[in-house]
Amino acid sequence: MLSQILYALPFLAGGFALTLWVSLLVVVLSLIAGVLLGVGLVYGPAPLRWSVRIFSDTIRGIPILVLMFFVYY
Protein backbone atom coordinates (compact mmCIF):
# COMPACT_ATOMS: atom_id res chain seq x y z
CA MET A 1 0.00 0.00 0.00
CA LEU A 2 2.81 2.41 0.85
CA SER A 3 4.48 1.66 -2.48
CA GLN A 4 1.31 2.69 -4.32
CA ILE A 5 1.20 5.96 -2.41
CA LEU A 6 4.86 6.63 -3.12
CA TYR A 7 4.28 5.81 -6.79
CA ALA A 8 1.37 8.25 -7.00
CA LEU A 9 3.06 11.04 -5.05
CA PRO A 10 4.86 12.66 -8.04
CA PHE A 11 1.62 12.68 -10.02
CA LEU A 12 -0.23 14.25 -7.11
CA ALA A 13 2.49 16.86 -6.67
CA GLY A 14 2.32 17.70 -10.37
CA GLY A 15 -1.43 18.06 -10.19
CA PHE A 16 -1.13 20.25 -7.11
CA ALA A 17 1.41 22.50 -8.85
CA LEU A 18 -0.83 22.78 -11.89
CA THR A 19 -3.80 23.65 -9.67
CA LEU A 20 -1.80 26.41 -7.99
CA TRP A 21 -0.67 27.76 -11.36
CA VAL A 22 -4.20 27.83 -12.78
CA SER A 23 -5.53 29.43 -9.59
CA LEU A 24 -2.91 32.17 -9.72
CA LEU A 25 -3.63 32.80 -13.39
CA VAL A 26 -7.38 33.05 -12.78
CA VAL A 27 -6.89 35.43 -9.85
CA VAL A 28 -4.66 37.74 -11.90
CA LEU A 29 -6.96 37.71 -14.94
CA SER A 30 -10.09 38.28 -12.86
CA LEU A 31 -8.39 41.14 -11.01
CA ILE A 32 -7.51 42.80 -14.30
CA ALA A 33 -11.03 42.26 -15.67
CA GLY A 34 -12.61 43.55 -12.46
CA VAL A 35 -10.50 46.70 -12.43
CA LEU A 36 -11.25 47.39 -16.09
CA LEU A 37 -14.99 46.84 -15.60
CA GLY A 38 -14.97 48.98 -12.46
CA VAL A 39 -13.17 51.83 -14.20
CA GLY A 40 -15.58 51.53 -17.12
CA LEU A 41 -18.52 51.64 -14.73
CA VAL A 42 -17.31 54.77 -12.96
CA TYR A 43 -15.56 56.75 -15.69
CA GLY A 44 -16.80 55.30 -18.97
CA PRO A 45 -19.28 56.76 -21.41
CA ALA A 46 -22.97 56.06 -20.88
CA PRO A 47 -23.29 53.02 -23.21
CA LEU A 48 -20.30 51.34 -21.54
CA ARG A 49 -21.67 52.09 -18.07
CA TRP A 50 -25.04 50.63 -19.03
CA SER A 51 -23.42 47.52 -20.50
CA VAL A 52 -21.28 46.93 -17.43
CA ARG A 53 -24.25 47.54 -15.12
CA ILE A 54 -26.47 45.11 -17.06
CA PHE A 55 -23.73 42.46 -17.05
CA SER A 56 -23.06 42.92 -13.34
CA ASP A 57 -26.73 42.87 -12.34
CA THR A 58 -27.40 39.83 -14.53
CA ILE A 59 -24.53 37.82 -13.05
CA ARG A 60 -25.45 38.86 -9.51
CA GLY A 61 -29.09 37.93 -10.09
CA ILE A 62 -28.40 34.36 -11.19
CA PRO A 63 -28.18 31.88 -8.30
CA ILE A 64 -24.71 30.44 -7.74
CA LEU A 65 -25.88 26.86 -8.27
CA VAL A 66 -27.20 27.74 -11.73
CA LEU A 67 -23.88 29.43 -12.57
CA MET A 68 -21.98 26.36 -11.38
CA PHE A 69 -24.08 24.07 -13.59
CA PHE A 70 -23.66 26.46 -16.54
CA VAL A 71 -19.87 26.56 -16.14
CA TYR A 72 -19.57 22.81 -15.50
CA TYR A 73 -21.66 21.68 -18.45
PDB file of N, CA and C in Angstrom:
ATOM      1  N   MET A   1       0.821  -1.186   0.000  1.00  0.00           N
ATOM      2  CA  MET A   1       0.000   0.000   0.000  1.00  0.00           C
ATOM      3  C   MET A   1       0.871   1.259   0.000  1.00  0.00           C
ATOM      4  N   LEU A   2       1.922   1.263   0.798  1.00  0.00           N
ATOM      5  CA  LEU A   2       2.809   2.414   0.847  1.00  0.00           C
ATOM      6  C   LEU A   2       3.514   2.615  -0.491  1.00  0.00           C
ATOM      7  N   SER A   3       3.819   1.536  -1.180  1.00  0.00           N
ATOM      8  CA  SER A   3       4.480   1.665  -2.479  1.00  0.00           C
ATOM      9  C   SER A   3       3.554   2.327  -3.501  1.00  0.00           C
ATOM     10  N   GLN A   4       2.261   2.044  -3.416  1.00  0.00           N
ATOM     11  CA  GLN A   4       1.310   2.692  -4.322  1.00  0.00           C
ATOM     12  C   GLN A   4       1.215   4.188  -4.039  1.00  0.00           C
ATOM     13  N   ILE A   5       1.242   4.549  -2.771  1.00  0.00           N
ATOM     14  CA  ILE A   5       1.197   5.963  -2.409  1.00  0.00           C
ATOM     15  C   ILE A   5       2.461   6.666  -2.882  1.00  0.00           C
ATOM     16  N   LEU A   6       3.603   6.040  -2.676  1.00  0.00           N
ATOM     17  CA  LEU A   6       4.861   6.632  -3.122  1.00  0.00           C
ATOM     18  C   LEU A   6       4.927   6.723  -4.643  1.00  0.00           C
ATOM     19  N   TYR A   7       4.327   5.764  -5.331  1.00  0.00           N
ATOM     20  CA  TYR A   7       4.279   5.809  -6.793  1.00  0.00           C
ATOM     21  C   TYR A   7       3.411   6.973  -7.270  1.00  0.00           C
ATOM     22  N   ALA A   8       2.308   7.211  -6.579  1.00  0.00           N
ATOM     23  CA  ALA A   8       1.368   8.248  -7.002  1.00  0.00           C
ATOM     24  C   ALA A   8       1.784   9.644  -6.557  1.00  0.00           C
ATOM     25  N   LEU A   9       2.687   9.754  -5.620  1.00  0.00           N
ATOM     26  CA  LEU A   9       3.063  11.043  -5.051  1.00  0.00           C
ATOM     27  C   LEU A   9       3.573  12.048  -6.088  1.00  0.00           C
ATOM     28  N   PRO A  10       4.439  11.678  -7.033  1.00  0.00           N
ATOM     29  CA  PRO A  10       4.862  12.662  -8.040  1.00  0.00           C
ATOM     30  C   PRO A  10       3.706  13.154  -8.913  1.00  0.00           C
ATOM     31  N   PHE A  11       2.777  12.274  -9.229  1.00  0.00           N
ATOM     32  CA  PHE A  11       1.620  12.683 -10.021  1.00  0.00           C
ATOM     33  C   PHE A  11       0.740  13.651  -9.236  1.00  0.00           C
ATOM     34  N   LEU A  12       0.555  13.361  -7.957  1.00  0.00           N
ATOM     35  CA  LEU A  12      -0.234  14.247  -7.107  1.00  0.00           C
ATOM     36  C   LEU A  12       0.449  15.604  -6.948  1.00  0.00           C
ATOM     37  N   ALA A  13       1.757  15.601  -6.797  1.00  0.00           N
ATOM     38  CA  ALA A  13       2.494  16.859  -6.671  1.00  0.00           C
ATOM     39  C   ALA A  13       2.399  17.675  -7.957  1.00  0.00           C
ATOM     40  N   GLY A  14       2.475  17.001  -9.094  1.00  0.00           N
ATOM     41  CA  GLY A  14       2.324  17.701 -10.369  1.00  0.00           C
ATOM     42  C   GLY A  14       0.941  18.301 -10.527  1.00  0.00           C
ATOM     43  N   GLY A  15      -0.069  17.546 -10.137  1.00  0.00           N
ATOM     44  CA  GLY A  15      -1.434  18.065 -10.193  1.00  0.00           C
ATOM     45  C   GLY A  15      -1.641  19.232  -9.250  1.00  0.00           C
ATOM     46  N   PHE A  16      -1.033  19.157  -8.073  1.00  0.00           N
ATOM     47  CA  PHE A  16      -1.127  20.253  -7.112  1.00  0.00           C
ATOM     48  C   PHE A  16      -0.461  21.513  -7.654  1.00  0.00           C
ATOM     49  N   ALA A  17       0.709  21.354  -8.264  1.00  0.00           N
ATOM     50  CA  ALA A  17       1.411  22.501  -8.846  1.00  0.00           C
ATOM     51  C   ALA A  17       0.595  23.113  -9.980  1.00  0.00           C
ATOM     52  N   LEU A  18       0.000  22.276 -10.806  1.00  0.00           N
ATOM     53  CA  LEU A  18      -0.834  22.777 -11.891  1.00  0.00           C
ATOM     54  C   LEU A  18      -2.054  23.511 -11.348  1.00  0.00           C
ATOM     55  N   THR A  19      -2.657  22.994 -10.294  1.00  0.00           N
ATOM     56  CA  THR A  19      -3.803  23.649  -9.672  1.00  0.00           C
ATOM     57  C   THR A  19      -3.418  25.021  -9.132  1.00  0.00           C
ATOM     58  N   LEU A  20      -2.263  25.114  -8.484  1.00  0.00           N
ATOM     59  CA  LEU A  20      -1.802  26.410  -7.986  1.00  0.00           C
ATOM     60  C   LEU A  20      -1.547  27.388  -9.127  1.00  0.00           C
ATOM     61  N   TRP A  21      -0.961  26.915 -10.204  1.00  0.00           N
ATOM     62  CA  TRP A  21      -0.671  27.763 -11.362  1.00  0.00           C
ATOM     63  C   TRP A  21      -1.961  28.285 -11.989  1.00  0.00           C
ATOM     64  N   VAL A  22      -2.928  27.420 -12.196  1.00  0.00           N
ATOM     65  CA  VAL A  22      -4.202  27.835 -12.785  1.00  0.00           C
ATOM     66  C   VAL A  22      -4.929  28.801 -11.854  1.00  0.00           C
ATOM     67  N   SER A  23      -4.888  28.538 -10.557  1.00  0.00           N
ATOM     68  CA  SER A  23      -5.531  29.429  -9.589  1.00  0.00           C
ATOM     69  C   SER A  23      -4.902  30.817  -9.621  1.00  0.00           C
ATOM     70  N   LEU A  24      -3.595  30.880  -9.657  1.00  0.00           N
ATOM     71  CA  LEU A  24      -2.907  32.166  -9.722  1.00  0.00           C
ATOM     72  C   LEU A  24      -3.257  32.904 -11.009  1.00  0.00           C
ATOM     73  N   LEU A  25      -3.286  32.195 -12.115  1.00  0.00           N
ATOM     74  CA  LEU A  25      -3.629  32.799 -13.394  1.00  0.00           C
ATOM     75  C   LEU A  25      -5.050  33.357 -13.382  1.00  0.00           C
ATOM     76  N   VAL A  26      -5.988  32.603 -12.834  1.00  0.00           N
ATOM     77  CA  VAL A  26      -7.379  33.050 -12.775  1.00  0.00           C
ATOM     78  C   VAL A  26      -7.522  34.266 -11.868  1.00  0.00           C
ATOM     79  N   VAL A  27      -6.817  34.283 -10.752  1.00  0.00           N
ATOM     80  CA  VAL A  27      -6.889  35.433  -9.846  1.00  0.00           C
ATOM     81  C   VAL A  27      -6.359  36.690 -10.535  1.00  0.00           C
ATOM     82  N   VAL A  28      -5.242  36.578 -11.222  1.00  0.00           N
ATOM     83  CA  VAL A  28      -4.658  37.738 -11.904  1.00  0.00           C
ATOM     84  C   VAL A  28      -5.579  38.225 -13.021  1.00  0.00           C
ATOM     85  N   LEU A  29      -6.084  37.304 -13.844  1.00  0.00           N
ATOM     86  CA  LEU A  29      -6.962  37.706 -14.942  1.00  0.00           C
ATOM     87  C   LEU A  29      -8.269  38.307 -14.440  1.00  0.00           C
ATOM     88  N   SER A  30      -8.834  37.739 -13.381  1.00  0.00           N
ATOM     89  CA  SER A  30     -10.086  38.283 -12.857  1.00  0.00           C
ATOM     90  C   SER A  30      -9.862  39.634 -12.188  1.00  0.00           C
ATOM     91  N   LEU A  31      -8.707  39.835 -11.580  1.00  0.00           N
ATOM     92  CA  LEU A  31      -8.389  41.136 -11.005  1.00  0.00           C
ATOM     93  C   LEU A  31      -8.294  42.195 -12.098  1.00  0.00           C
ATOM     94  N   ILE A  32      -7.627  41.867 -13.180  1.00  0.00           N
ATOM     95  CA  ILE A  32      -7.514  42.798 -14.302  1.00  0.00           C
ATOM     96  C   ILE A  32      -8.892  43.093 -14.888  1.00  0.00           C
ATOM     97  N   ALA A  33      -9.685  42.055 -15.110  1.00  0.00           N
ATOM     98  CA  ALA A  33     -11.026  42.257 -15.666  1.00  0.00           C
ATOM     99  C   ALA A  33     -11.893  43.075 -14.717  1.00  0.00           C
ATOM    100  N   GLY A  34     -11.814  42.810 -13.429  1.00  0.00           N
ATOM    101  CA  GLY A  34     -12.613  43.555 -12.460  1.00  0.00           C
ATOM    102  C   GLY A  34     -12.237  45.020 -12.400  1.00  0.00           C
ATOM    103  N   VAL A  35     -10.943  45.300 -12.448  1.00  0.00           N
ATOM    104  CA  VAL A  35     -10.502  46.698 -12.431  1.00  0.00           C
ATOM    105  C   VAL A  35     -10.965  47.408 -13.695  1.00  0.00           C
ATOM    106  N   LEU A  36     -10.819  46.764 -14.842  1.00  0.00           N
ATOM    107  CA  LEU A  36     -11.255  47.391 -16.094  1.00  0.00           C
ATOM    108  C   LEU A  36     -12.764  47.628 -16.107  1.00  0.00           C
ATOM    109  N   LEU A  37     -13.534  46.649 -15.652  1.00  0.00           N
ATOM    110  CA  LEU A  37     -14.986  46.836 -15.604  1.00  0.00           C
ATOM    111  C   LEU A  37     -15.369  47.909 -14.588  1.00  0.00           C
ATOM    112  N   GLY A  38     -14.684  47.952 -13.462  1.00  0.00           N
ATOM    113  CA  GLY A  38     -14.969  48.977 -12.462  1.00  0.00           C
ATOM    114  C   GLY A  38     -14.652  50.374 -12.959  1.00  0.00           C
ATOM    115  N   VAL A  39     -13.523  50.524 -13.630  1.00  0.00           N
ATOM    116  CA  VAL A  39     -13.171  51.827 -14.198  1.00  0.00           C
ATOM    117  C   VAL A  39     -14.171  52.211 -15.283  1.00  0.00           C
ATOM    118  N   GLY A  40     -14.574  51.242 -16.095  1.00  0.00           N
ATOM    119  CA  GLY A  40     -15.580  51.525 -17.119  1.00  0.00           C
ATOM    120  C   GLY A  40     -16.912  51.921 -16.521  1.00  0.00           C
ATOM    121  N   LEU A  41     -17.256  51.322 -15.395  1.00  0.00           N
ATOM    122  CA  LEU A  41     -18.522  51.643 -14.734  1.00  0.00           C
ATOM    123  C   LEU A  41     -18.503  53.047 -14.147  1.00  0.00           C
ATOM    124  N   VAL A  42     -17.374  53.465 -13.619  1.00  0.00           N
ATOM    125  CA  VAL A  42     -17.307  54.771 -12.959  1.00  0.00           C
ATOM    126  C   VAL A  42     -16.997  55.897 -13.942  1.00  0.00           C
ATOM    127  N   TYR A  43     -16.046  55.672 -14.841  1.00  0.00           N
ATOM    128  CA  TYR A  43     -15.559  56.754 -15.689  1.00  0.00           C
ATOM    129  C   TYR A  43     -15.928  56.623 -17.164  1.00  0.00           C
ATOM    130  N   GLY A  44     -16.540  55.535 -17.561  1.00  0.00           N
ATOM    131  CA  GLY A  44     -16.800  55.303 -18.973  1.00  0.00           C
ATOM    132  C   GLY A  44     -17.975  56.100 -19.507  1.00  0.00           C
ATOM    133  N   PRO A  45     -18.113  56.105 -20.821  1.00  0.00           N
ATOM    134  CA  PRO A  45     -19.280  56.757 -21.415  1.00  0.00           C
ATOM    135  C   PRO A  45     -20.558  55.988 -21.068  1.00  0.00           C
ATOM    136  N   ALA A  46     -21.676  56.626 -21.299  1.00  0.00           N
ATOM    137  CA  ALA A  46     -22.966  56.061 -20.880  1.00  0.00           C
ATOM    138  C   ALA A  46     -23.226  54.655 -21.433  1.00  0.00           C
ATOM    139  N   PRO A  47     -23.015  54.388 -22.729  1.00  0.00           N
ATOM    140  CA  PRO A  47     -23.290  53.019 -23.207  1.00  0.00           C
ATOM    141  C   PRO A  47     -22.425  51.957 -22.522  1.00  0.00           C
ATOM    142  N   LEU A  48     -21.178  52.289 -22.239  1.00  0.00           N
ATOM    143  CA  LEU A  48     -20.302  51.343 -21.543  1.00  0.00           C
ATOM    144  C   LEU A  48     -20.774  51.138 -20.110  1.00  0.00           C
ATOM    145  N   ARG A  49     -21.151  52.208 -19.431  1.00  0.00           N
ATOM    146  CA  ARG A  49     -21.668  52.088 -18.065  1.00  0.00           C
ATOM    147  C   ARG A  49     -22.913  51.232 -18.030  1.00  0.00           C
ATOM    148  N   TRP A  50     -23.812  51.425 -18.983  1.00  0.00           N
ATOM    149  CA  TRP A  50     -25.044  50.625 -19.027  1.00  0.00           C
ATOM    150  C   TRP A  50     -24.719  49.159 -19.274  1.00  0.00           C
ATOM    151  N   SER A  51     -23.793  48.910 -20.192  1.00  0.00           N
ATOM    152  CA  SER A  51     -23.424  47.522 -20.504  1.00  0.00           C
ATOM    153  C   SER A  51     -22.806  46.829 -19.291  1.00  0.00           C
ATOM    154  N   VAL A  52     -21.908  47.517 -18.612  1.00  0.00           N
ATOM    155  CA  VAL A  52     -21.278  46.931 -17.430  1.00  0.00           C
ATOM    156  C   VAL A  52     -22.312  46.718 -16.336  1.00  0.00           C
ATOM    157  N   ARG A  53     -23.215  47.666 -16.151  1.00  0.00           N
ATOM    158  CA  ARG A  53     -24.251  47.544 -15.120  1.00  0.00           C
ATOM    159  C   ARG A  53     -25.184  46.375 -15.429  1.00  0.00           C
ATOM    160  N   ILE A  54     -25.589  46.228 -16.680  1.00  0.00           N
ATOM    161  CA  ILE A  54     -26.472  45.114 -17.062  1.00  0.00           C
ATOM    162  C   ILE A  54     -25.760  43.783 -16.843  1.00  0.00           C
ATOM    163  N   PHE A  55     -24.498  43.692 -17.255  1.00  0.00           N
ATOM    164  CA  PHE A  55     -23.725  42.463 -17.051  1.00  0.00           C
ATOM    165  C   PHE A  55     -23.608  42.136 -15.567  1.00  0.00           C
ATOM    166  N   SER A  56     -23.247  43.126 -14.779  1.00  0.00           N
ATOM    167  CA  SER A  56     -23.062  42.918 -13.343  1.00  0.00           C
ATOM    168  C   SER A  56     -24.368  42.511 -12.667  1.00  0.00           C
ATOM    169  N   ASP A  57     -25.444  43.203 -12.965  1.00  0.00           N
ATOM    170  CA  ASP A  57     -26.730  42.873 -12.340  1.00  0.00           C
ATOM    171  C   ASP A  57     -27.239  41.507 -12.784  1.00  0.00           C
ATOM    172  N   THR A  58     -26.977  41.143 -14.033  1.00  0.00           N
ATOM    173  CA  THR A  58     -27.400  39.829 -14.527  1.00  0.00           C
ATOM    174  C   THR A  58     -26.645  38.716 -13.811  1.00  0.00           C
ATOM    175  N   ILE A  59     -25.334  38.844 -13.719  1.00  0.00           N
ATOM    176  CA  ILE A  59     -24.530  37.818 -13.054  1.00  0.00           C
ATOM    177  C   ILE A  59     -24.883  37.731 -11.574  1.00  0.00           C
ATOM    178  N   ARG A  60     -25.090  38.867 -10.932  1.00  0.00           N
ATOM    179  CA  ARG A  60     -25.453  38.857  -9.511  1.00  0.00           C
ATOM    180  C   ARG A  60     -26.841  38.278  -9.279  1.00  0.00           C
ATOM    181  N   GLY A  61     -27.725  38.402 -10.255  1.00  0.00           N
ATOM    182  CA  GLY A  61     -29.094  37.934 -10.090  1.00  0.00           C
ATOM    183  C   GLY A  61     -29.273  36.443 -10.310  1.00  0.00           C
ATOM    184  N   ILE A  62     -28.297  35.790 -10.933  1.00  0.00           N
ATOM    185  CA  ILE A  62     -28.401  34.357 -11.194  1.00  0.00           C
ATOM    186  C   ILE A  62     -27.898  33.602  -9.965  1.00  0.00           C
ATOM    187  N   PRO A  63     -28.648  32.639  -9.461  1.00  0.00           N
ATOM    188  CA  PRO A  63     -28.180  31.876  -8.297  1.00  0.00           C
ATOM    189  C   PRO A  63     -26.862  31.155  -8.595  1.00  0.00           C
ATOM    190  N   ILE A  64     -26.045  31.017  -7.575  1.00  0.00           N
ATOM    191  CA  ILE A  64     -24.705  30.441  -7.740  1.00  0.00           C
ATOM    192  C   ILE A  64     -24.768  28.998  -8.232  1.00  0.00           C
ATOM    193  N   LEU A  65     -25.773  28.251  -7.818  1.00  0.00           N
ATOM    194  CA  LEU A  65     -25.881  26.864  -8.270  1.00  0.00           C
ATOM    195  C   LEU A  65     -26.129  26.802  -9.775  1.00  0.00           C
ATOM    196  N   VAL A  66     -26.946  27.699 -10.289  1.00  0.00           N
ATOM    197  CA  VAL A  66     -27.197  27.744 -11.733  1.00  0.00           C
ATOM    198  C   VAL A  66     -25.913  28.109 -12.468  1.00  0.00           C
ATOM    199  N   LEU A  67     -25.160  29.071 -11.944  1.00  0.00           N
ATOM    200  CA  LEU A  67     -23.884  29.429 -12.570  1.00  0.00           C
ATOM    201  C   LEU A  67     -22.905  28.262 -12.560  1.00  0.00           C
ATOM    202  N   MET A  68     -22.882  27.513 -11.454  1.00  0.00           N
ATOM    203  CA  MET A  68     -21.983  26.362 -11.382  1.00  0.00           C
ATOM    204  C   MET A  68     -22.362  25.301 -12.406  1.00  0.00           C
ATOM    205  N   PHE A  69     -23.653  25.026 -12.576  1.00  0.00           N
ATOM    206  CA  PHE A  69     -24.080  24.068 -13.594  1.00  0.00           C
ATOM    207  C   PHE A  69     -23.751  24.581 -14.991  1.00  0.00           C
ATOM    208  N   PHE A  70     -23.943  25.875 -15.225  1.00  0.00           N
ATOM    209  CA  PHE A  70     -23.665  26.457 -16.535  1.00  0.00           C
ATOM    210  C   PHE A  70     -22.177  26.346 -16.872  1.00  0.00           C
ATOM    211  N   VAL A  71     -21.317  26.634 -15.909  1.00  0.00           N
ATOM    212  CA  VAL A  71     -19.874  26.562 -16.144  1.00  0.00           C
ATOM    213  C   VAL A  71     -19.425  25.113 -16.286  1.00  0.00           C
ATOM    214  N   TYR A  72     -19.996  24.213 -15.484  1.00  0.00           N
ATOM    215  CA  TYR A  72     -19.571  22.814 -15.504  1.00  0.00           C
ATOM    216  C   TYR A  72     -19.967  22.122 -16.802  1.00  0.00           C
ATOM    217  N   TYR A  73     -21.190  22.348 -17.251  1.00  0.00           N
ATOM    218  CA  TYR A  73     -21.663  21.677 -18.454  1.00  0.00           C
ATOM    219  C   TYR A  73     -21.511  22.608 -19.613  1.00  0.00           C
TER     220      TYR A  73
END
